Amino acid sequence: MRRRVVTAIIALVLFLPIIFFDFGGISVQLLGALLAIIGVYELFKMKGLALLSFEGIISAIGAVVLVLPNNPWFSYLPDTADKLILFYFVVMLLLGVSVISKNMYTIDEAGFPVLVSLYVGVGFQNFVEARATGLLVLLLGLFIVWATDIGAYMIGKKYGKRQLWPEISPNKTVEGALGGILSAVFVAIVFLILYPGSLYFEYGSFIMIFWTIILSIVGQFGDLVESAIKRHYQVKDSGNILPGHGGILDRFDSMLFVFPIMHLIGLF
């Protein structure tokens, strides 16, 4: 527990100044790209593949392409081009290996690095875009995820009896999941008292509470998706970069789902 707390404090000391001040307007972008590369590495490691391989490098490049905004990183592209086409070029490279290898490397094998790039890249892309829209938008998403995690853990530990999804994550309970939602709603209410939805977001505060419930559920589902991946590859944590916490995906799995849905519903 002590190691877990120390790691959390160190991570927050490094993480919070970057998202608050976004030094030079690109520090959050670089942070998102770095986290995406680590996320790709963790997924490749779970599958028993090396990041420093052709498909690993291409997958990491694909994720970074998705994370970084056009301006200033891809301003050299023609105005008619966009990152989707650039990412599709990455897909073309992976599919092209099947020709060069005479089908020793198949479309099924190419599918893994492509899916990894999309999963990690789009998730952190929306993390970066949320901060570009405004600090409050990013903080709202972070607070919902953090409140859900803390509430689910505390309520589940004290009152949890009925398993939520034992085949995927036997330690999660229905009571914990509901506690996570209630905790997120409480934090959102406090947040919206300080920053009313009608002034700072596209929706009024009551609608924002509804979206908070949805986002809390989405975040917990993202957590379960990561648990399913780890169970499939028979690993306890996605990595060990954060002692006591596991890997980057262990900490950002909920956010990889929450921020894209925030974008989808128009919060940024």
Protein backbone atom coordinates (compact mmCIF):
# COMPACT_ATOMS: atom_id res chain seq x y z
CA MET A 1 0.00 0.00 0.00
CA ARG A 2 2.84 2.40 0.86
CA ARG A 3 4.47 1.83 -2.53
CA ARG A 4 1.10 2.39 -4.21
CA VAL A 5 0.59 5.72 -2.41
CA VAL A 6 4.15 6.91 -3.14
CA THR A 7 3.75 6.07 -6.84
CA ALA A 8 0.42 7.92 -6.98
CA ILE A 9 1.92 11.04 -5.40
CA ILE A 10 4.92 11.05 -7.75
CA ALA A 11 2.67 10.48 -10.78
CA LEU A 12 0.36 13.34 -9.79
CA VAL A 13 3.30 15.69 -9.17
CA LEU A 14 4.51 15.01 -12.71
CA PHE A 15 1.11 14.71 -14.39
CA LEU A 16 -0.93 17.59 -12.95
CA PRO A 17 1.42 20.50 -13.86
CA ILE A 18 1.48 19.29 -17.47
CA ILE A 19 -2.29 19.18 -17.85
CA PHE A 20 -2.83 22.41 -15.91
CA PHE A 21 -0.27 24.57 -17.68
CA ASP A 22 0.28 22.71 -20.99
CA PHE A 23 3.71 24.26 -21.41
CA GLY A 24 4.18 25.72 -24.89
CA GLY A 25 0.79 24.43 -25.92
CA ILE A 26 2.26 21.06 -26.89
CA SER A 27 3.21 19.36 -23.62
CA VAL A 28 -0.16 17.58 -23.32
CA GLN A 29 0.16 16.49 -26.96
CA LEU A 30 3.61 15.03 -26.28
CA LEU A 31 2.34 13.42 -23.08
CA GLY A 32 -0.54 11.82 -25.00
CA ALA A 33 1.85 10.53 -27.67
CA LEU A 34 4.21 9.09 -25.05
CA LEU A 35 1.37 7.39 -23.19
CA ALA A 36 0.09 5.97 -26.49
CA ILE A 37 3.48 4.46 -27.31
CA ILE A 38 3.68 2.90 -23.83
CA GLY A 39 0.13 1.59 -24.26
CA VAL A 40 1.07 -0.04 -27.58
CA TYR A 41 4.16 -1.53 -25.94
CA GLU A 42 2.09 -2.99 -23.08
CA LEU A 43 -0.41 -4.63 -25.44
CA PHE A 44 2.37 -6.05 -27.62
CA LYS A 45 4.14 -7.39 -24.54
CA MET A 46 0.94 -9.07 -23.33
CA LYS A 47 0.70 -10.85 -26.68
CA GLY A 48 4.35 -11.84 -26.54
CA LEU A 49 5.43 -9.52 -29.35
CA ALA A 50 8.26 -6.99 -29.37
CA LEU A 51 7.61 -3.27 -29.82
CA LEU A 52 10.98 -3.00 -31.58
CA SER A 53 9.74 -5.02 -34.53
CA PHE A 54 8.35 -3.88 -37.86
CA GLU A 55 4.72 -4.28 -36.81
CA GLY A 56 5.42 -2.86 -33.35
CA ILE A 57 7.05 0.27 -34.71
CA ILE A 58 4.34 0.74 -37.33
CA SER A 59 1.61 0.26 -34.71
CA ALA A 60 3.25 2.83 -32.42
CA ILE A 61 3.58 5.28 -35.33
CA GLY A 62 -0.09 4.72 -36.17
CA ALA A 63 -1.12 5.51 -32.59
CA VAL A 64 1.03 8.66 -32.52
CA VAL A 65 -0.41 9.79 -35.86
CA LEU A 66 -3.87 9.58 -34.33
CA VAL A 67 -2.88 11.36 -31.11
CA LEU A 68 -1.02 14.37 -32.46
CA PRO A 69 -3.11 17.17 -34.05
CA ASN A 70 -2.58 18.27 -37.63
CA ASN A 71 -1.23 21.64 -36.54
CA PRO A 72 1.69 21.82 -36.05
CA TRP A 73 2.72 18.17 -36.42
CA PHE A 74 1.33 17.43 -39.89
CA SER A 75 1.09 20.91 -41.35
CA TYR A 76 3.31 19.77 -44.23
CA LEU A 77 0.42 17.71 -45.61
CA PRO A 78 -1.78 19.21 -48.35
CA ASP A 79 -4.91 20.95 -47.08
CA THR A 80 -7.06 18.22 -48.61
CA ALA A 81 -5.29 15.48 -46.64
CA ASP A 82 -6.18 14.46 -43.10
CA LYS A 83 -4.85 12.15 -40.42
CA LEU A 84 -7.30 9.40 -41.32
CA ILE A 85 -5.59 9.01 -44.69
CA LEU A 86 -2.20 9.12 -42.98
CA PHE A 87 -3.32 6.40 -40.59
CA TYR A 88 -4.67 4.37 -43.49
CA PHE A 89 -1.19 4.54 -45.01
CA VAL A 90 -0.01 2.75 -41.85
CA VAL A 91 -2.68 0.10 -42.44
CA MET A 92 -1.52 -0.23 -46.05
CA LEU A 93 2.05 -0.85 -44.88
CA LEU A 94 0.95 -3.63 -42.53
CA LEU A 95 -1.23 -5.24 -45.18
CA GLY A 96 1.59 -4.90 -47.70
CA VAL A 97 3.75 -7.19 -45.60
CA SER A 98 1.43 -10.06 -46.51
CA VAL A 99 2.45 -9.60 -50.13
CA ILE A 100 6.17 -9.20 -49.42
CA SER A 101 6.16 -12.24 -47.11
CA LYS A 102 4.09 -14.28 -49.58
CA ASN A 103 1.32 -14.63 -47.00
CA MET A 104 3.65 -15.76 -44.23
CA TYR A 105 2.31 -12.65 -42.48
CA THR A 106 -1.48 -12.66 -42.87
CA ILE A 107 -4.32 -10.18 -42.59
CA ASP A 108 -5.27 -11.78 -39.26
CA GLU A 109 -1.83 -10.96 -37.87
CA ALA A 110 -1.98 -7.44 -39.33
CA GLY A 111 -5.31 -6.91 -37.58
CA PHE A 112 -3.76 -6.91 -34.11
CA PRO A 113 -1.39 -3.92 -34.55
CA VAL A 114 -4.11 -1.98 -36.40
CA LEU A 115 -6.64 -2.56 -33.61
CA VAL A 116 -4.03 -1.69 -30.99
CA SER A 117 -3.27 1.60 -32.77
CA LEU A 118 -6.96 2.49 -32.94
CA TYR A 119 -7.73 1.53 -29.36
CA VAL A 120 -4.82 3.40 -27.82
CA GLY A 121 -4.49 6.15 -30.42
CA VAL A 122 -8.12 7.31 -30.54
CA GLY A 123 -8.37 7.14 -26.75
CA PHE A 124 -5.38 9.40 -26.13
CA GLN A 125 -6.29 11.55 -29.14
CA ASN A 126 -9.50 12.53 -27.37
CA PHE A 127 -7.62 13.05 -24.11
CA VAL A 128 -5.44 15.59 -25.97
CA GLU A 129 -8.43 17.19 -27.74
CA ALA A 130 -10.29 17.58 -24.45
CA ARG A 131 -7.38 19.61 -23.04
CA ALA A 132 -7.17 21.66 -26.25
CA THR A 133 -10.85 22.55 -25.79
CA GLY A 134 -10.30 23.67 -22.23
CA LEU A 135 -8.92 22.62 -18.87
CA LEU A 136 -12.42 22.29 -17.38
CA VAL A 137 -13.45 19.73 -20.00
CA LEU A 138 -10.40 17.59 -19.28
CA LEU A 139 -10.85 17.90 -15.52
CA LEU A 140 -14.51 16.89 -15.75
CA GLY A 141 -13.57 13.68 -17.54
CA LEU A 142 -10.73 12.95 -15.12
CA PHE A 143 -12.89 13.63 -12.06
CA ILE A 144 -15.66 11.35 -13.32
CA VAL A 145 -13.18 8.53 -13.91
CA TRP A 146 -11.31 9.02 -10.65
CA ALA A 147 -14.51 9.37 -8.60
CA THR A 148 -15.92 6.23 -10.21
CA ASP A 149 -12.77 4.23 -9.48
CA ILE A 150 -12.51 5.39 -5.86
CA GLY A 151 -16.23 5.02 -5.16
CA ALA A 152 -16.38 1.56 -6.74
CA TYR A 153 -13.37 0.40 -4.74
CA MET A 154 -14.51 1.76 -1.38
CA ILE A 155 -18.19 0.78 -1.63
CA GLY A 156 -17.34 -2.56 -3.20
CA LYS A 157 -14.84 -3.38 -0.48
CA LYS A 158 -17.28 -2.57 2.33
CA TYR A 159 -20.64 -3.61 0.91
CA GLY A 160 -19.88 -5.70 -2.17
CA LYS A 161 -21.60 -9.09 -2.25
CA ARG A 162 -22.89 -9.77 -5.75
CA GLN A 163 -20.22 -10.22 -8.42
CA LEU A 164 -20.62 -7.91 -11.38
CA TRP A 165 -18.91 -9.99 -14.07
CA PRO A 166 -17.03 -12.89 -12.47
CA GLU A 167 -15.86 -14.38 -15.79
CA ILE A 168 -13.95 -11.17 -16.53
CA SER A 169 -13.15 -9.53 -13.20
CA PRO A 170 -14.16 -11.58 -10.13
CA ASN A 171 -13.31 -8.80 -7.65
CA LYS A 172 -15.82 -6.29 -9.06
CA THR A 173 -19.28 -6.22 -7.54
CA VAL A 174 -22.68 -4.78 -8.43
CA GLU A 175 -22.63 -2.73 -5.24
CA GLY A 176 -19.20 -1.35 -6.13
CA ALA A 177 -20.34 -0.41 -9.63
CA LEU A 178 -23.37 1.44 -8.24
CA GLY A 179 -21.14 3.09 -5.64
CA GLY A 180 -18.85 4.27 -8.42
CA ILE A 181 -21.77 5.87 -10.26
CA LEU A 182 -23.04 7.60 -7.10
CA SER A 183 -19.55 8.86 -6.32
CA ALA A 184 -19.19 10.25 -9.85
CA VAL A 185 -22.58 11.97 -9.60
CA PHE A 186 -21.63 13.54 -6.28
CA VAL A 187 -18.36 14.88 -7.66
CA ALA A 188 -20.11 16.13 -10.81
CA ILE A 189 -22.71 18.00 -8.73
CA VAL A 190 -19.95 19.78 -6.80
CA PHE A 191 -18.12 20.50 -10.06
CA LEU A 192 -21.27 21.88 -11.72
CA ILE A 193 -22.08 24.10 -8.74
CA LEU A 194 -18.72 25.76 -9.32
CA TYR A 195 -18.93 25.62 -13.12
CA PRO A 196 -22.59 25.45 -14.25
CA GLY A 197 -23.18 23.31 -17.32
CA SER A 198 -25.18 25.99 -19.12
CA LEU A 199 -22.22 28.38 -18.92
CA TYR A 200 -19.24 26.12 -19.46
CA PHE A 201 -20.62 23.18 -21.43
CA GLU A 202 -23.15 22.48 -24.17
CA TYR A 203 -25.77 21.18 -21.73
CA GLY A 204 -27.57 22.32 -18.60
CA SER A 205 -26.55 20.89 -15.26
CA PHE A 206 -29.37 18.31 -15.07
CA ILE A 207 -28.46 16.90 -18.48
CA MET A 208 -24.82 16.93 -17.40
CA ILE A 209 -25.71 14.71 -14.44
CA PHE A 210 -27.37 12.29 -16.85
CA TRP A 211 -24.22 12.26 -19.00
CA THR A 212 -22.14 11.75 -15.85
CA ILE A 213 -24.06 8.53 -15.13
CA ILE A 214 -23.53 7.36 -18.70
CA LEU A 215 -19.83 8.24 -18.62
CA SER A 216 -19.35 6.48 -15.29
CA ILE A 217 -20.88 3.33 -16.77
CA VAL A 218 -18.76 3.70 -19.91
CA GLY A 219 -15.62 4.12 -17.79
CA GLN A 220 -16.38 0.96 -15.84
CA PHE A 221 -16.98 -0.89 -19.09
CA GLY A 222 -13.60 0.32 -20.36
CA ASP A 223 -12.06 -1.08 -17.19
CA LEU A 224 -13.76 -4.42 -17.86
CA VAL A 225 -12.49 -4.43 -21.45
CA GLU A 226 -8.93 -4.09 -20.18
CA SER A 227 -9.61 -6.86 -17.66
CA ALA A 228 -10.86 -9.08 -20.49
CA ILE A 229 -7.68 -8.41 -22.49
CA LYS A 230 -5.48 -9.27 -19.51
CA ARG A 231 -7.49 -12.40 -18.76
CA HIS A 232 -7.15 -13.47 -22.40
CA TYR A 233 -3.37 -13.10 -22.24
CA GLN A 234 -3.26 -14.44 -18.67
CA VAL A 235 -1.43 -11.49 -17.12
CA LYS A 236 -2.20 -9.69 -13.86
CA ASP A 237 -1.26 -6.16 -14.98
CA SER A 238 -0.74 -4.53 -18.34
CA GLY A 239 2.76 -3.51 -17.25
CA ASN A 240 4.90 -2.48 -14.29
CA ILE A 241 5.85 1.11 -15.11
CA LEU A 242 3.81 2.31 -12.11
CA PRO A 243 4.86 0.28 -9.04
CA GLY A 244 1.82 -0.80 -7.07
CA HIS A 245 -0.54 0.29 -9.87
CA GLY A 246 0.58 -1.78 -12.85
CA GLY A 247 0.92 -0.28 -16.30
CA ILE A 248 -0.31 2.78 -18.14
CA LEU A 249 -3.33 0.92 -19.51
CA ASP A 250 -4.25 -0.16 -15.97
CA ARG A 251 -4.55 3.52 -15.06
CA PHE A 252 -6.01 4.88 -18.31
CA ASP A 253 -8.30 2.04 -19.42
CA SER A 254 -11.46 3.89 -18.34
CA MET A 255 -10.29 7.16 -19.89
CA LEU A 256 -9.68 5.48 -23.24
CA PHE A 257 -13.44 4.92 -23.37
CA VAL A 258 -14.72 7.99 -21.54
CA PHE A 259 -13.02 10.75 -23.54
CA PRO A 260 -14.13 9.48 -26.98
CA ILE A 261 -17.73 9.24 -25.71
CA MET A 262 -17.45 12.77 -24.28
CA HIS A 263 -16.44 13.87 -27.78
CA LEU A 264 -19.27 11.88 -29.35
CA ILE A 265 -21.94 13.56 -27.18
CA GLY A 266 -20.54 17.01 -27.85
CA LEU A 267 -18.82 17.93 -24.59
CA PHE A 268 -15.81 19.00 -26.67
